[in-house]
């Protein structure tokens, strides 16, 4: 569908903040809005001009805030609505943008809507969630809560058992309790979703990253009902908030972008082959050179074609649900990986701490539903002071323990080292901002991406600017046939390519950007 394209996305580089773990200013061991404000200059100096803030609404935090109990109130652990509004203003004062994490598919069991929906007597929230007509019938394939109230029925859940599924209807109802998408209950839920978005956009946020965006309408195997729902949301936004950005956690750009999202993530699950690059037994970004990028390139090219000229596909360094990038990508290969991430189309996302190689903290007990993900959510490491500068609370009060290693990376140490990962990321973000061809909407043509082979090479272009990108994580030289004529070097790490008689050879563990005719 046709929708407004916020111009600020053209050159956006996002920084994802997990607020619990970013910066604590009141010594309770948990990060807060004031802490984020205190580090906005750091984020801007890194080269990031946009922020994705993980859920910050009131919640019992059984799933780190993805179990919302009040969509209209900031979580007290982070501050007040006024504090969040001040964060928006401080972001904008620096010429930056900020999007909130919206969880439209489910709430916490503690939400007042759910408490009302549990009552036997009909009320305005009876149909706000997906309930069967009998406690003896469980929604097939969805999991449920049952035997918890006077209401006769089982309530579907989306993920954890304390996250009841909101009712947006069934695309193909086949049971009496399954309401069609245009029934009064699903339509009331949809109206409330618009009200929530309207509230925070008027408060000053610049859009939303939408959790599990493809899951709202049930019994919708081709996603036609869910696509239609988001097209309706997109029409509302275009009319009232045309510069609001919408980013989907969907992983199928052909569907999400048709639904009206501006961007879709390539995810660690689904068909994208994202894991082939960074998180598998033999990732492509490894000096061992046993990885394969060809299936990723094939699927990426297919998805990009489906996305059309307007849609953006985002490739994150990681996020709160993945292993830390540095768990599987090591040493200088991290710098080569960032050269790739910051030279691809679509807005890149840097997960807090990835710019300094923050490590996955092993063998942690689950915190707030993190389970294996907990090790990727440890506090940001700012300096060499107590708790790595994250908090002045006693260490036992910290949200998640700090990396205990004596050589743990910190911003302070890496900022003082011109050869650090942090310094390289700053170089790369600056180049991206300076070169239109490297930005979100620049075109891409893959020049070399053969199966089980190195290097990876592609041309980024915008207007008259054309840049050849050569990425070689392998611990040995790698060459390919290429008739392109290199004019000059824009960027190189690990040494420059050799171009001889139509053959380009890349040094070991290297990355380079080269202007071509």
Protein backbone atom coordinates (compact mmCIF):
# COMPACT_ATOMS: atom_id res chain seq x y z
CA UNK A 1 0.00 0.00 0.00
CA UNK A 2 1.03 3.64 -0.36
CA UNK A 3 1.87 5.45 2.87
CA UNK A 4 3.83 8.39 4.12
CA UNK A 5 7.54 7.78 4.41
CA UNK A 6 9.02 9.78 7.31
CA UNK A 7 12.03 11.55 5.84
CA UNK A 8 14.05 11.12 9.02
CA UNK A 9 14.30 7.39 8.37
CA UNK A 10 16.45 8.02 5.29
CA UNK A 11 19.57 8.54 7.40
CA UNK A 12 18.52 6.90 10.66
CA UNK A 13 20.95 4.82 12.72
CA UNK A 14 19.10 3.38 15.72
CA UNK A 15 20.38 2.58 19.19
CA UNK A 16 18.32 0.06 21.14
CA UNK A 17 18.05 0.72 24.87
CA UNK A 18 16.95 -1.94 27.34
CA UNK A 19 16.04 0.60 30.06
CA UNK A 20 16.50 -1.68 33.06
CA UNK A 21 20.18 -2.13 32.21
CA UNK A 22 21.32 1.14 30.69
CA UNK A 23 21.97 3.72 33.44
CA UNK A 24 20.71 3.94 37.03
CA UNK A 25 20.59 7.40 38.64
CA UNK A 26 18.73 6.69 41.90
CA UNK A 27 20.80 3.77 43.22
CA UNK A 28 18.01 1.18 43.14
CA UNK A 29 19.99 -1.10 40.80
CA UNK A 30 17.61 -0.53 37.87
CA UNK A 31 18.11 1.86 34.96
CA UNK A 32 15.75 4.80 34.56
CA UNK A 33 14.66 7.64 32.26
CA UNK A 34 17.01 10.11 33.91
CA UNK A 35 19.87 7.73 33.22
CA UNK A 36 18.98 7.59 29.55
CA UNK A 37 18.80 11.39 29.39
CA UNK A 38 22.26 11.60 30.96
CA UNK A 39 23.69 9.46 28.15
CA UNK A 40 21.97 11.03 25.14
CA UNK A 41 25.12 12.94 24.19
CA UNK A 42 27.03 9.65 24.22
CA UNK A 43 24.51 8.07 21.87
CA UNK A 44 24.60 11.04 19.51
CA UNK A 45 28.41 11.14 19.56
CA UNK A 46 28.46 7.45 18.65
CA UNK A 47 26.64 8.41 15.47
CA UNK A 48 23.17 7.16 16.37
CA UNK A 49 20.39 9.66 15.69
CA UNK A 50 17.41 7.50 16.68
CA UNK A 51 16.51 5.38 19.71
CA UNK A 52 14.36 2.30 20.15
CA UNK A 53 13.32 2.09 23.80
CA UNK A 54 12.23 -1.35 25.00
CA UNK A 55 8.90 -1.48 26.93
CA UNK A 56 8.61 1.22 29.54
CA UNK A 57 4.94 1.00 30.55
CA UNK A 58 3.57 -0.09 33.91
CA UNK A 59 4.00 -3.85 34.32
CA UNK A 60 4.49 -6.58 36.93
CA UNK A 61 7.61 -7.42 34.85
CA UNK A 62 7.01 -11.13 34.49
CA UNK A 63 8.38 -10.72 30.96
CA UNK A 64 10.63 -7.67 31.32
CA UNK A 65 7.80 -5.26 30.53
CA UNK A 66 6.31 -7.17 27.60
CA UNK A 67 3.44 -7.91 29.99
CA UNK A 68 1.76 -4.50 30.21
CA UNK A 69 -0.67 -3.67 33.02
CA UNK A 70 -1.33 -0.05 31.99
CA UNK A 71 -0.52 1.27 28.50
CA UNK A 72 -1.00 4.89 29.56
CA UNK A 73 1.39 5.02 32.51
CA UNK A 74 5.17 4.84 32.58
CA UNK A 75 6.62 2.12 34.79
CA UNK A 76 7.41 3.76 38.16
CA UNK A 77 10.78 1.98 38.28
CA UNK A 78 11.87 4.21 35.37
CA UNK A 79 10.10 7.42 36.37
CA UNK A 80 6.85 9.23 35.61
CA UNK A 81 5.02 10.19 32.45
CA UNK A 82 6.56 13.64 32.90
CA UNK A 83 10.04 12.08 33.00
CA UNK A 84 9.30 10.20 29.79
CA UNK A 85 7.98 13.36 28.19
CA UNK A 86 11.21 15.10 29.24
CA UNK A 87 13.18 12.29 27.58
CA UNK A 88 11.29 12.90 24.33
CA UNK A 89 12.09 16.62 24.53
CA UNK A 90 15.78 16.04 25.24
CA UNK A 91 16.03 13.60 22.33
CA UNK A 92 14.42 16.12 19.98
CA UNK A 93 16.57 18.97 21.29
CA UNK A 94 19.57 17.02 19.97
CA UNK A 95 18.02 16.51 16.54
CA UNK A 96 17.31 12.85 17.28
CA UNK A 97 14.17 10.68 17.25
CA UNK A 98 12.78 8.04 19.61
CA UNK A 99 10.35 5.16 19.13
CA UNK A 100 8.60 3.20 21.87
CA UNK A 101 8.10 -0.54 22.05
CA UNK A 102 4.39 -1.30 21.56
CA UNK A 103 2.99 -4.67 22.65
CA UNK A 104 -0.45 -4.89 21.00
CA UNK A 105 -1.07 -8.63 21.11
CA UNK A 106 -1.38 -9.34 24.82
CA UNK A 107 -1.34 -7.77 28.26
CA UNK A 108 -0.45 -8.85 31.76
CA UNK A 109 -3.04 -10.78 33.77
CA UNK A 110 -2.89 -7.78 36.12
CA UNK A 111 -4.31 -5.38 33.52
CA UNK A 112 -7.69 -3.95 34.56
CA UNK A 113 -9.12 -5.00 31.17
CA UNK A 114 -8.34 -8.63 31.96
CA UNK A 115 -9.69 -8.39 35.48
CA UNK A 116 -12.98 -7.14 34.06
CA UNK A 117 -13.03 -9.74 31.28
CA UNK A 118 -12.83 -12.52 33.90
CA UNK A 119 -16.21 -11.58 35.37
CA UNK A 120 -19.21 -13.79 34.65
CA UNK A 121 -21.43 -10.76 33.97
CA UNK A 122 -21.04 -9.17 30.55
CA UNK A 123 -19.26 -5.82 30.44
CA UNK A 124 -17.30 -3.70 27.97
CA UNK A 125 -14.20 -5.90 28.40
CA UNK A 126 -15.88 -9.31 28.08
CA UNK A 127 -14.71 -9.59 24.47
CA UNK A 128 -11.39 -7.75 24.88
CA UNK A 129 -9.55 -11.11 25.06
CA UNK A 130 -9.83 -14.44 23.26
CA UNK A 131 -12.06 -16.68 25.41
CA UNK A 132 -13.68 -20.00 24.62
CA UNK A 133 -17.26 -20.66 25.73
CA UNK A 134 -16.33 -23.47 28.09
CA UNK A 135 -13.56 -24.02 30.61
CA UNK A 136 -13.32 -27.55 29.19
CA UNK A 137 -12.35 -26.27 25.73
CA UNK A 138 -8.83 -24.96 25.23
CA UNK A 139 -7.97 -22.83 22.14
CA UNK A 140 -6.22 -25.24 19.81
CA UNK A 141 -2.50 -24.64 19.51
CA UNK A 142 -2.48 -21.48 21.61
CA UNK A 143 -2.18 -22.47 25.26
CA UNK A 144 -4.59 -21.01 27.76
CA UNK A 145 -5.49 -19.83 31.23
CA UNK A 146 -8.48 -21.63 32.73
CA UNK A 147 -10.12 -22.29 36.05
CA UNK A 148 -9.06 -18.83 37.20
CA UNK A 149 -12.39 -17.03 37.46
CA UNK A 150 -16.15 -17.31 37.69
CA UNK A 151 -16.38 -16.86 33.93
CA UNK A 152 -16.92 -20.15 32.13
CA UNK A 153 -14.21 -20.35 29.50
CA UNK A 154 -10.50 -20.66 28.75
CA UNK A 155 -8.49 -17.60 27.77
CA UNK A 156 -5.86 -17.93 25.05
CA UNK A 157 -2.31 -16.80 25.80
CA UNK A 158 0.27 -15.51 23.32
CA UNK A 159 3.51 -16.57 24.97
CA UNK A 160 3.97 -16.94 28.71
CA UNK A 161 0.97 -18.15 30.70
CA UNK A 162 0.54 -14.69 32.28
CA UNK A 163 0.08 -12.97 28.89
CA UNK A 164 -3.57 -13.31 27.80
CA UNK A 165 -4.17 -12.69 24.10
CA UNK A 166 -6.09 -9.58 23.11
CA UNK A 167 -8.98 -10.15 20.74
CA UNK A 168 -8.56 -8.83 17.19
CA UNK A 169 -10.79 -11.53 15.78
CA UNK A 170 -10.34 -14.69 13.68
CA UNK A 171 -9.84 -14.47 9.95
CA UNK A 172 -11.58 -17.82 9.46
CA UNK A 173 -13.73 -18.56 12.52
CA UNK A 174 -14.65 -22.21 12.91
CA UNK A 175 -15.97 -22.31 16.50
CA UNK A 176 -18.90 -20.35 17.99
CA UNK A 177 -16.61 -18.39 20.35
CA UNK A 178 -14.26 -17.30 17.56
CA UNK A 179 -15.36 -13.80 16.56
CA UNK A 180 -14.76 -12.39 13.06
CA UNK A 181 -12.39 -9.44 12.72
CA UNK A 182 -15.25 -6.97 12.26
CA UNK A 183 -17.22 -8.09 15.34
CA UNK A 184 -17.78 -5.45 18.05
CA UNK A 185 -15.21 -6.94 20.45
CA UNK A 186 -12.27 -7.03 18.00
CA UNK A 187 -13.15 -3.60 16.65
CA UNK A 188 -13.19 -2.16 20.20
CA UNK A 189 -9.71 -3.60 20.77
CA UNK A 190 -8.52 -2.00 17.54
CA UNK A 191 -9.93 1.39 18.54
CA UNK A 192 -8.16 1.17 21.88
CA UNK A 193 -4.87 0.37 20.12
CA UNK A 194 -5.26 3.59 18.12
CA UNK A 195 -6.00 5.50 21.33
CA UNK A 196 -2.81 4.20 22.94
CA UNK A 197 -0.73 5.18 19.91
CA UNK A 198 -2.40 8.60 19.73
CA UNK A 199 -1.66 9.24 23.43
CA UNK A 200 2.08 8.65 23.17
CA UNK A 201 2.50 10.32 19.79
CA UNK A 202 0.85 13.44 21.21
CA UNK A 203 3.21 13.14 24.18
CA UNK A 204 6.12 13.38 21.77
CA UNK A 205 7.37 9.96 20.71
CA UNK A 206 8.21 9.49 17.02
CA UNK A 207 6.66 6.10 16.35
CA UNK A 208 6.69 2.49 17.47
CA UNK A 209 8.50 -0.78 17.16
CA UNK A 210 5.65 -3.29 17.26
CA UNK A 211 6.13 -6.55 19.14
CA UNK A 212 4.88 -9.74 17.42
CA UNK A 213 3.20 -7.59 14.77
CA UNK A 214 2.16 -10.53 12.61
CA UNK A 215 0.28 -12.37 15.36
CA UNK A 216 -2.80 -10.26 16.04
CA UNK A 217 -5.57 -11.84 13.96
CA UNK A 218 -5.93 -15.55 14.70
CA UNK A 219 -6.53 -18.38 12.20
CA UNK A 220 -4.89 -16.17 9.58
CA UNK A 221 -2.39 -18.44 7.77
CA UNK A 222 -1.68 -15.99 4.92
CA UNK A 223 -1.83 -12.97 7.26
CA UNK A 224 -4.54 -11.32 5.17
CA UNK A 225 -6.59 -10.29 8.19
CA UNK A 226 -3.56 -8.98 10.06
CA UNK A 227 -2.33 -7.08 6.99
CA UNK A 228 -5.75 -5.46 6.63
CA UNK A 229 -5.75 -4.48 10.31
CA UNK A 230 -2.38 -2.76 10.01
CA UNK A 231 -3.46 -1.02 6.80
CA UNK A 232 -6.29 0.49 8.84
CA UNK A 233 -3.79 1.58 11.52
CA UNK A 234 -1.55 3.04 8.82
CA UNK A 235 -4.44 5.10 7.41
CA UNK A 236 -5.14 6.50 10.88
CA UNK A 237 -1.46 7.43 11.33
CA UNK A 238 -1.17 8.99 7.88
CA UNK A 239 -4.15 11.21 8.67
CA UNK A 240 -3.07 12.28 12.17
CA UNK A 241 0.68 11.61 12.52
CA UNK A 242 2.25 11.40 9.05
CA UNK A 243 5.84 11.52 10.35
CA UNK A 244 5.34 8.63 12.80
CA UNK A 245 7.56 5.66 11.99
CA UNK A 246 6.33 2.08 12.26
CA UNK A 247 8.77 -0.82 12.56
CA UNK A 248 7.55 -4.39 12.76
CA UNK A 249 8.80 -7.47 14.51
CA UNK A 250 7.43 -9.71 11.79
CA UNK A 251 10.35 -11.06 9.75
CA UNK A 252 8.33 -11.28 6.53
CA UNK A 253 8.76 -7.92 4.76
CA UNK A 254 6.41 -8.81 1.92
CA UNK A 255 3.59 -8.95 4.50
CA UNK A 256 4.54 -6.28 6.99
CA UNK A 257 5.33 -3.64 4.38
CA UNK A 258 2.09 -4.35 2.56
CA UNK A 259 0.41 -3.78 5.90
CA UNK A 260 1.84 -0.27 6.05
CA UNK A 261 4.96 -0.66 8.16
CA UNK A 262 7.92 1.39 7.01
CA UNK A 263 10.47 -1.18 8.14
CA UNK A 264 10.70 -4.83 9.10
CA UNK A 265 13.44 -6.57 11.05
CA UNK A 266 15.38 -9.53 9.85
CA UNK A 267 15.03 -11.79 12.87
CA UNK A 268 16.93 -14.57 14.55
CA UNK A 269 13.91 -16.80 13.88
CA UNK A 270 12.07 -17.33 10.62
CA UNK A 271 13.34 -17.77 7.07
CA UNK A 272 15.85 -14.91 6.73
CA UNK A 273 19.12 -16.86 7.31
CA UNK A 274 20.23 -13.97 9.54
CA UNK A 275 21.75 -16.52 11.93
CA UNK A 276 24.02 -17.79 9.15
CA UNK A 277 25.95 -14.54 9.48
CA UNK A 278 26.38 -14.14 13.22
CA UNK A 279 24.84 -16.86 15.39
CA UNK A 280 25.37 -20.45 14.36
CA UNK A 281 28.04 -23.15 14.76
CA UNK A 282 30.09 -21.60 11.94
CA UNK A 283 29.02 -18.00 11.39
CA UNK A 284 30.06 -16.23 8.22
CA UNK A 285 31.76 -13.56 10.34
CA UNK A 286 34.59 -15.76 11.59
CA UNK A 287 38.26 -16.03 10.71
CA UNK A 288 37.71 -19.80 10.41
CA UNK A 289 36.01 -19.05 7.08
CA UNK A 290 33.66 -22.01 7.26
CA UNK A 291 30.46 -19.97 7.03
CA UNK A 292 28.10 -19.29 4.17
CA UNK A 293 26.36 -16.02 3.30
CA UNK A 294 24.82 -17.13 0.02
CA UNK A 295 21.44 -18.24 1.40
CA UNK A 296 21.17 -15.02 3.38
CA UNK A 297 21.85 -13.00 0.22
CA UNK A 298 19.34 -15.04 -1.77
CA UNK A 299 16.58 -14.59 0.81
CA UNK A 300 17.46 -10.96 1.45
CA UNK A 301 17.31 -10.16 -2.28
CA UNK A 302 13.98 -11.94 -2.56
CA UNK A 303 12.56 -10.05 0.44
CA UNK A 304 13.89 -6.74 -0.83
CA UNK A 305 12.20 -7.28 -4.17
CA UNK A 306 8.92 -8.03 -2.40
CA UNK A 307 9.35 -4.99 -0.18
CA UNK A 308 9.27 -2.69 -3.21
CA UNK A 309 11.05 0.61 -3.58
CA UNK A 310 9.60 2.18 -0.43
CA UNK A 311 10.04 -0.54 2.18
CA UNK A 312 13.09 -0.86 4.39
CA UNK A 313 14.56 -4.07 5.78
CA UNK A 314 16.55 -3.59 8.96
CA UNK A 315 19.47 -5.75 10.07
CA UNK A 316 20.24 -5.35 13.80
CA UNK A 317 23.54 -6.07 15.53
CA UNK A 318 21.41 -7.93 18.04
CA UNK A 319 18.62 -7.32 20.51
CA UNK A 320 17.33 -8.28 23.94
CA UNK A 321 16.13 -11.67 22.64
CA UNK A 322 19.40 -12.80 21.00
CA UNK A 323 22.81 -13.90 22.18
CA UNK A 324 25.23 -11.00 22.31
CA UNK A 325 27.01 -10.50 18.99
CA UNK A 326 30.38 -10.98 20.71
CA UNK A 327 29.42 -14.45 21.92
CA UNK A 328 29.99 -15.93 18.46
CA UNK A 329 31.81 -13.17 16.55
CA UNK A 330 35.28 -12.56 17.96
CA UNK A 331 38.12 -10.07 17.81
CA UNK A 332 38.57 -7.99 14.69
CA UNK A 333 35.71 -9.88 13.03
CA UNK A 334 33.42 -7.69 15.16
CA UNK A 335 34.76 -4.64 13.32
CA UNK A 336 34.24 -6.36 9.96
CA UNK A 337 30.69 -7.30 11.03
CA UNK A 338 29.91 -3.67 11.84
CA UNK A 339 31.30 -2.60 8.44
CA UNK A 340 28.66 -4.90 6.95
CA UNK A 341 25.84 -3.82 9.28
CA UNK A 342 26.48 -0.12 8.70
CA UNK A 343 26.77 -0.38 4.92
CA UNK A 344 23.56 -2.27 4.20
CA UNK A 345 20.22 -0.71 3.12
CA UNK A 346 17.51 -0.09 5.70
CA UNK A 347 18.07 1.58 9.04
CA UNK A 348 20.69 -0.28 11.09
CA UNK A 349 20.08 -1.00 14.79
CA UNK A 350 22.88 -1.18 17.35
CA UNK A 351 21.93 -3.02 20.55
CA UNK A 352 23.27 -1.12 23.56
CA UNK A 353 26.79 -2.26 24.39
CA UNK A 354 27.43 -4.06 21.11
CA UNK A 355 29.51 -1.04 20.10
CA UNK A 356 32.05 -1.96 22.80
CA UNK A 357 31.71 -5.74 22.43
CA UNK A 358 29.66 -6.19 25.61
CA UNK A 359 29.77 -9.91 26.39
CA UNK A 360 27.06 -12.45 27.03
CA UNK A 361 27.24 -13.15 30.77
CA UNK A 362 27.15 -16.92 31.19
CA UNK A 363 25.20 -19.07 33.67
CA UNK A 364 22.82 -16.45 35.05
CA UNK A 365 19.57 -17.35 36.76
CA UNK A 366 16.61 -16.04 34.76
CA UNK A 367 15.54 -12.48 35.54
CA UNK A 368 12.02 -11.31 34.65
CA UNK A 369 11.36 -14.08 32.14
CA UNK A 370 14.72 -13.74 30.43
CA UNK A 371 15.83 -17.38 30.80
CA UNK A 372 18.65 -17.95 28.27
CA UNK A 373 18.26 -14.33 27.14
CA UNK A 374 19.27 -12.99 30.56
CA UNK A 375 22.99 -13.05 29.72
CA UNK A 376 22.36 -10.59 26.86
CA UNK A 377 20.61 -8.09 29.15
CA UNK A 378 23.37 -7.31 31.64
CA UNK A 379 24.11 -3.69 32.61
CA UNK A 380 25.95 -1.30 30.33
CA UNK A 381 29.61 -0.93 31.27
CA UNK A 382 30.58 2.72 31.30
CA UNK A 383 33.85 2.95 33.23
CA UNK A 384 36.11 1.42 35.87
CA UNK A 385 34.19 2.65 38.91
CA UNK A 386 31.81 0.64 41.09
CA UNK A 387 29.45 -1.57 39.06
CA UNK A 388 31.20 -0.38 35.88
CA UNK A 389 29.53 3.02 36.30
CA UNK A 390 26.02 1.62 35.78
CA UNK A 391 24.76 2.10 39.34
CA UNK A 392 25.94 3.14 42.78
CA UNK A 393 23.66 0.53 44.39
CA UNK A 394 25.19 -2.42 46.24
CA UNK A 395 26.04 -5.09 43.68
CA UNK A 396 23.44 -7.51 45.06
CA UNK A 397 20.69 -4.99 44.17
CA UNK A 398 21.60 -4.77 40.49
CA UNK A 399 18.89 -5.77 38.03
CA UNK A 400 21.29 -8.30 36.49
CA UNK A 401 24.90 -8.88 37.62
CA UNK A 402 27.69 -7.04 35.82
CA UNK A 403 30.15 -9.06 33.72
CA UNK A 404 32.58 -10.21 36.46
CA UNK A 405 35.62 -10.48 34.15
CA UNK A 406 38.49 -8.17 35.12
CA UNK A 407 39.03 -7.34 31.42
CA UNK A 408 35.39 -6.50 30.74
CA UNK A 409 35.05 -3.80 28.05
CA UNK A 410 33.99 -0.30 29.06
CA UNK A 411 33.13 2.86 27.17
CA UNK A 412 35.81 4.79 29.05
CA UNK A 413 38.61 2.41 28.04
CA UNK A 414 37.51 2.05 24.43
CA UNK A 415 36.96 5.79 23.94
CA UNK A 416 40.63 6.28 24.87
CA UNK A 417 41.82 3.67 22.35
CA UNK A 418 41.78 4.71 18.67
CA UNK A 419 42.01 1.05 17.67
CA UNK A 420 38.96 -0.08 19.64
CA UNK A 421 35.68 -1.49 18.36
CA UNK A 422 33.95 1.64 19.66
CA UNK A 423 36.27 3.85 17.59
CA UNK A 424 35.60 1.76 14.48
CA UNK A 425 31.83 1.97 14.94
CA UNK A 426 32.11 5.76 15.21
CA UNK A 427 34.10 5.87 11.97
CA UNK A 428 31.49 3.75 10.22
CA UNK A 429 28.45 5.71 11.41
CA UNK A 430 30.14 8.96 10.31
CA UNK A 431 30.78 7.51 6.85
CA UNK A 432 27.20 6.33 6.56
CA UNK A 433 25.90 9.81 7.39
CA UNK A 434 28.31 11.35 4.87
CA UNK A 435 27.55 9.01 1.94
CA UNK A 436 23.96 8.91 0.55
CA UNK A 437 24.74 5.62 -1.21
CA UNK A 438 25.33 3.94 2.17
CA UNK A 439 22.11 5.19 3.75
CA UNK A 440 18.74 3.53 4.22
CA UNK A 441 17.33 4.00 0.73
CA UNK A 442 20.48 3.55 -1.33
CA UNK A 443 20.27 0.71 -3.87
CA UNK A 444 22.24 -2.52 -3.52
CA UNK A 445 23.56 -4.98 -6.09
CA UNK A 446 25.40 -8.06 -4.90
CA UNK A 447 28.56 -8.61 -6.94
CA UNK A 448 29.93 -11.72 -5.22
CA UNK A 449 28.08 -13.96 -2.76
CA UNK A 450 28.89 -17.52 -3.73
CA UNK A 451 28.09 -20.58 -1.64
CA UNK A 452 30.67 -21.35 1.07
CA UNK A 453 32.92 -18.62 -0.32
CA UNK A 454 34.60 -15.40 0.73
CA UNK A 455 34.54 -12.41 0.36
CA UNK A 456 31.10 -10.81 0.22
CA UNK A 457 30.91 -7.90 -2.23
CA UNK A 458 28.14 -5.51 -3.20
CA UNK A 459 27.64 -2.09 -4.75
CA UNK A 460 25.63 0.61 -2.94
CA UNK A 461 24.41 3.48 -5.09
CA UNK A 462 22.43 6.69 -4.87
CA UNK A 463 22.30 9.19 -7.71
CA UNK A 464 25.78 9.45 -9.18
CA UNK A 465 27.50 7.96 -6.13
CA UNK A 466 28.49 4.29 -6.38
CA UNK A 467 30.40 2.49 -3.65
CA UNK A 468 31.84 -1.02 -3.84
CA UNK A 469 31.79 -2.74 -0.44
CA UNK A 470 34.11 -5.71 0.06
CA UNK A 471 33.71 -7.69 3.29
CA UNK A 472 36.19 -10.48 4.12
CA UNK A 473 35.98 -11.92 7.65
CA UNK A 474 38.17 -14.90 6.65
CA UNK A 475 41.62 -15.30 8.16
CA UNK A 476 43.10 -15.55 4.67
CA UNK A 477 43.06 -13.56 1.45
CA UNK A 478 39.94 -14.02 -0.67
CA UNK A 479 39.46 -13.05 -4.31
CA UNK A 480 36.75 -12.80 -6.95
CA UNK A 481 36.49 -11.81 -10.59
CA UNK A 482 35.23 -8.27 -11.04
CA UNK A 483 35.32 -5.82 -13.93
CA UNK A 484 34.64 -2.74 -11.80
CA UNK A 485 37.19 0.05 -11.80
CA UNK A 486 38.02 1.42 -8.37
CA UNK A 487 38.53 5.22 -8.26
CA UNK A 488 39.50 5.77 -4.64
CA UNK A 489 39.26 4.35 -1.13
CA UNK A 490 36.59 5.75 1.18
CA UNK A 491 37.22 3.39 4.09
CA UNK A 492 39.37 0.39 4.86
CA UNK A 493 40.02 -1.82 7.82
CA UNK A 494 42.63 -4.57 7.78
CA UNK A 495 44.27 -3.32 4.58
CA UNK A 496 43.09 -2.35 1.11
CA UNK A 497 42.03 -4.59 -1.76
CA UNK A 498 44.28 -5.32 -4.76
CA UNK A 499 42.65 -4.89 -8.14
CA UNK A 500 44.57 -6.61 -10.94
CA UNK A 501 43.42 -7.72 -14.40
CA UNK A 502 39.74 -7.90 -13.48
CA UNK A 503 40.35 -9.70 -10.21
CA UNK A 504 39.90 -8.19 -6.74
CA UNK A 505 41.74 -9.66 -3.77
CA UNK A 506 40.73 -8.74 -0.21
CA UNK A 507 43.22 -8.99 2.70
CA UNK A 508 42.48 -11.31 5.65
CA UNK A 509 39.85 -10.04 8.13
CA UNK A 510 39.19 -6.84 6.23
CA UNK A 511 36.49 -4.50 5.07
CA UNK A 512 36.62 -1.70 2.56
CA UNK A 513 34.41 0.85 0.79
CA UNK A 514 35.62 2.01 -2.63
CA UNK A 515 34.22 4.65 -4.92
CA UNK A 516 33.69 3.35 -8.46
CA UNK A 517 32.65 4.83 -11.81
